[in-house]
C-alpha atoms as a PDB file:
ATOM      1  CA  UNK A   1       9.019  47.573  29.282  1.00  0.00           C
ATOM      2  CA  UNK A   2       6.971  44.588  30.378  1.00  0.00           C
ATOM      3  CA  UNK A   3       4.068  44.914  32.725  1.00  0.00           C
ATOM      4  CA  UNK A   4       3.970  42.065  35.370  1.00  0.00           C
ATOM      5  CA  UNK A   5       0.240  40.510  35.471  1.00  0.00           C
ATOM      6  CA  UNK A   6      -1.041  37.766  37.466  1.00  0.00           C
ATOM      7  CA  UNK A   7      -0.869  35.381  34.389  1.00  0.00           C
ATOM      8  CA  UNK A   8       1.959  32.930  33.708  1.00  0.00           C
ATOM      9  CA  UNK A   9       2.998  32.980  30.041  1.00  0.00           C
ATOM     10  CA  UNK A  10       1.352  30.273  28.053  1.00  0.00           C
ATOM     11  CA  UNK A  11       2.221  28.513  24.851  1.00  0.00           C
ATOM     12  CA  UNK A  12       5.864  28.663  23.697  1.00  0.00           C
ATOM     13  CA  UNK A  13       6.875  31.053  26.593  1.00  0.00           C
ATOM     14  CA  UNK A  14       5.354  28.988  28.948  1.00  0.00           C
ATOM     15  CA  UNK A  15       7.305  28.372  32.439  1.00  0.00           C
ATOM     16  CA  UNK A  16       8.173  24.850  33.211  1.00  0.00           C
ATOM     17  CA  UNK A  17       6.325  23.318  36.316  1.00  0.00           C
ATOM     18  CA  UNK A  18       9.883  22.662  37.908  1.00  0.00           C
ATOM     19  CA  UNK A  19      11.053  26.207  37.355  1.00  0.00           C
ATOM     20  CA  UNK A  20       7.751  27.509  39.056  1.00  0.00           C
ATOM     21  CA  UNK A  21       8.278  25.171  42.071  1.00  0.00           C
ATOM     22  CA  UNK A  22      11.945  26.201  42.447  1.00  0.00           C
ATOM     23  CA  UNK A  23      10.467  29.952  42.425  1.00  0.00           C
ATOM     24  CA  UNK A  24       8.172  29.244  45.026  1.00  0.00           C
ATOM     25  CA  UNK A  25      10.464  27.421  47.388  1.00  0.00           C
ATOM     26  CA  UNK A  26      13.004  30.336  46.746  1.00  0.00           C
ATOM     27  CA  UNK A  27      10.476  32.922  47.655  1.00  0.00           C
ATOM     28  CA  UNK A  28       9.353  31.307  50.880  1.00  0.00           C
ATOM     29  CA  UNK A  29      13.017  30.782  51.937  1.00  0.00           C
ATOM     30  CA  UNK A  30      13.675  34.664  51.004  1.00  0.00           C
ATOM     31  CA  UNK A  31      10.997  35.643  53.127  1.00  0.00           C
ATOM     32  CA  UNK A  32      11.760  33.508  56.063  1.00  0.00           C
ATOM     33  CA  UNK A  33      15.305  34.575  55.844  1.00  0.00           C
ATOM     34  CA  UNK A  34      14.399  38.376  55.537  1.00  0.00           C
ATOM     35  CA  UNK A  35      12.203  38.139  58.545  1.00  0.00           C
ATOM     36  CA  UNK A  36      14.932  36.247  60.440  1.00  0.00           C
ATOM     37  CA  UNK A  37      17.452  39.313  59.461  1.00  0.00           C
ATOM     38  CA  UNK A  38      14.927  41.874  61.112  1.00  0.00           C
ATOM     39  CA  UNK A  39      14.048  39.634  64.295  1.00  0.00           C
ATOM     40  CA  UNK A  40      17.778  39.860  65.192  1.00  0.00           C
ATOM     41  CA  UNK A  41      17.270  43.278  66.190  1.00  0.00           C
ATOM     42  CA  UNK A  42      15.758  42.074  69.288  1.00  0.00           C
ATOM     43  CA  UNK A  43      19.130  41.486  71.197  1.00  0.00           C
ATOM     44  CA  UNK A  44      20.008  45.242  70.112  1.00  0.00           C
ATOM     45  CA  UNK A  45      16.670  46.351  71.524  1.00  0.00           C
ATOM     46  CA  UNK A  46      17.282  44.506  74.508  1.00  0.00           C
ATOM     47  CA  UNK A  47      20.671  46.055  74.653  1.00  0.00           C
ATOM     48  CA  UNK A  48      19.137  49.574  74.447  1.00  0.00           C
ATOM     49  CA  UNK A  49      16.815  48.981  77.125  1.00  0.00           C
ATOM     50  CA  UNK A  50      19.624  47.751  79.277  1.00  0.00           C
ATOM     51  CA  UNK A  51      21.698  50.947  79.089  1.00  0.00           C
ATOM     52  CA  UNK A  52      24.186  49.958  76.129  1.00  0.00           C
ATOM     53  CA  UNK A  53      22.681  51.822  73.283  1.00  0.00           C
ATOM     54  CA  UNK A  54      23.853  50.678  69.897  1.00  0.00           C
ATOM     55  CA  UNK A  55      24.488  52.781  66.987  1.00  0.00           C
ATOM     56  CA  UNK A  56      21.282  54.258  65.349  1.00  0.00           C
ATOM     57  CA  UNK A  57      22.590  54.415  61.597  1.00  0.00           C
ATOM     58  CA  UNK A  58      22.419  50.793  60.665  1.00  0.00           C
ATOM     59  CA  UNK A  59      18.887  50.044  62.097  1.00  0.00           C
ATOM     60  CA  UNK A  60      17.594  53.551  60.610  1.00  0.00           C
ATOM     61  CA  UNK A  61      18.914  52.732  57.151  1.00  0.00           C
ATOM     62  CA  UNK A  62      17.267  49.222  57.297  1.00  0.00           C
ATOM     63  CA  UNK A  63      13.898  50.721  58.280  1.00  0.00           C
ATOM     64  CA  UNK A  64      14.130  53.110  55.421  1.00  0.00           C
ATOM     65  CA  UNK A  65      15.067  50.092  53.126  1.00  0.00           C
ATOM     66  CA  UNK A  66      12.287  47.964  54.422  1.00  0.00           C
ATOM     67  CA  UNK A  67       9.974  50.788  53.816  1.00  0.00           C
ATOM     68  CA  UNK A  68      11.045  51.476  50.115  1.00  0.00           C
ATOM     69  CA  UNK A  69      10.709  47.537  49.349  1.00  0.00           C
ATOM     70  CA  UNK A  70       7.144  47.277  51.006  1.00  0.00           C
ATOM     71  CA  UNK A  71       6.070  50.201  49.044  1.00  0.00           C
ATOM     72  CA  UNK A  72       7.496  48.582  45.732  1.00  0.00           C
ATOM     73  CA  UNK A  73       5.898  45.232  46.461  1.00  0.00           C
ATOM     74  CA  UNK A  74       2.595  47.118  47.279  1.00  0.00           C
ATOM     75  CA  UNK A  75       2.575  49.396  44.241  1.00  0.00           C
ATOM     76  CA  UNK A  76       3.603  46.710  41.559  1.00  0.00           C
ATOM     77  CA  UNK A  77       0.784  45.874  38.864  1.00  0.00           C
ATOM     78  CA  UNK A  78      -0.028  42.958  41.104  1.00  0.00           C
ATOM     79  CA  UNK A  79       1.082  42.926  44.878  1.00  0.00           C
ATOM     80  CA  UNK A  80       4.423  41.245  45.471  1.00  0.00           C
ATOM     81  CA  UNK A  81       3.245  39.408  48.900  1.00  0.00           C
ATOM     82  CA  UNK A  82       6.938  37.675  49.618  1.00  0.00           C
ATOM     83  CA  UNK A  83       8.648  41.245  49.473  1.00  0.00           C
ATOM     84  CA  UNK A  84       5.718  42.829  51.533  1.00  0.00           C
ATOM     85  CA  UNK A  85       5.574  40.170  54.188  1.00  0.00           C
ATOM     86  CA  UNK A  86       9.269  39.948  54.245  1.00  0.00           C
ATOM     87  CA  UNK A  87       9.970  43.603  54.897  1.00  0.00           C
ATOM     88  CA  UNK A  88       7.106  44.782  57.159  1.00  0.00           C
ATOM     89  CA  UNK A  89       8.901  43.408  60.011  1.00  0.00           C
ATOM     90  CA  UNK A  90      11.977  45.576  58.956  1.00  0.00           C
ATOM     91  CA  UNK A  91       9.790  48.459  59.354  1.00  0.00           C
ATOM     92  CA  UNK A  92       8.727  47.587  62.848  1.00  0.00           C
ATOM     93  CA  UNK A  93      11.778  46.349  64.190  1.00  0.00           C
ATOM     94  CA  UNK A  94      14.117  49.135  62.615  1.00  0.00           C
ATOM     95  CA  UNK A  95      11.826  51.574  64.205  1.00  0.00           C
ATOM     96  CA  UNK A  96      11.581  50.277  67.650  1.00  0.00           C
ATOM     97  CA  UNK A  97      15.503  49.760  67.685  1.00  0.00           C
ATOM     98  CA  UNK A  98      15.985  53.359  66.682  1.00  0.00           C
ATOM     99  CA  UNK A  99      13.462  54.621  69.404  1.00  0.00           C
ATOM    100  CA  UNK A 100      14.869  52.642  71.919  1.00  0.00           C
ATOM    101  CA  UNK A 101      18.292  53.942  71.353  1.00  0.00           C
ATOM    102  CA  UNK A 102      17.110  57.177  72.875  1.00  0.00           C
ATOM    103  CA  UNK A 103      14.664  55.894  75.557  1.00  0.00           C
ATOM    104  CA  UNK A 104      17.077  53.915  77.779  1.00  0.00           C
END
């Protein structure tokens, strides 16, 4: 099993600059989309406060998923910041959504 390090391969195993740029763009785009996915809980939170509670299972599972991915990103050999940054909002918004289901 290969262990991730902060160094990029050199010599014959070097990663091309074009591929590295694509990976950085992909990680930024994926981070933005993941955050947008979790921000989409705001209408559900508003609905919960308006007396129209939504189901609890989906936001609860999303919160658990975000917690697991955040832990994964944090505990890697080097911190995987795109994974951490994109999933922390999921912990917060998932938890708030579940709590507001019962506080309407």
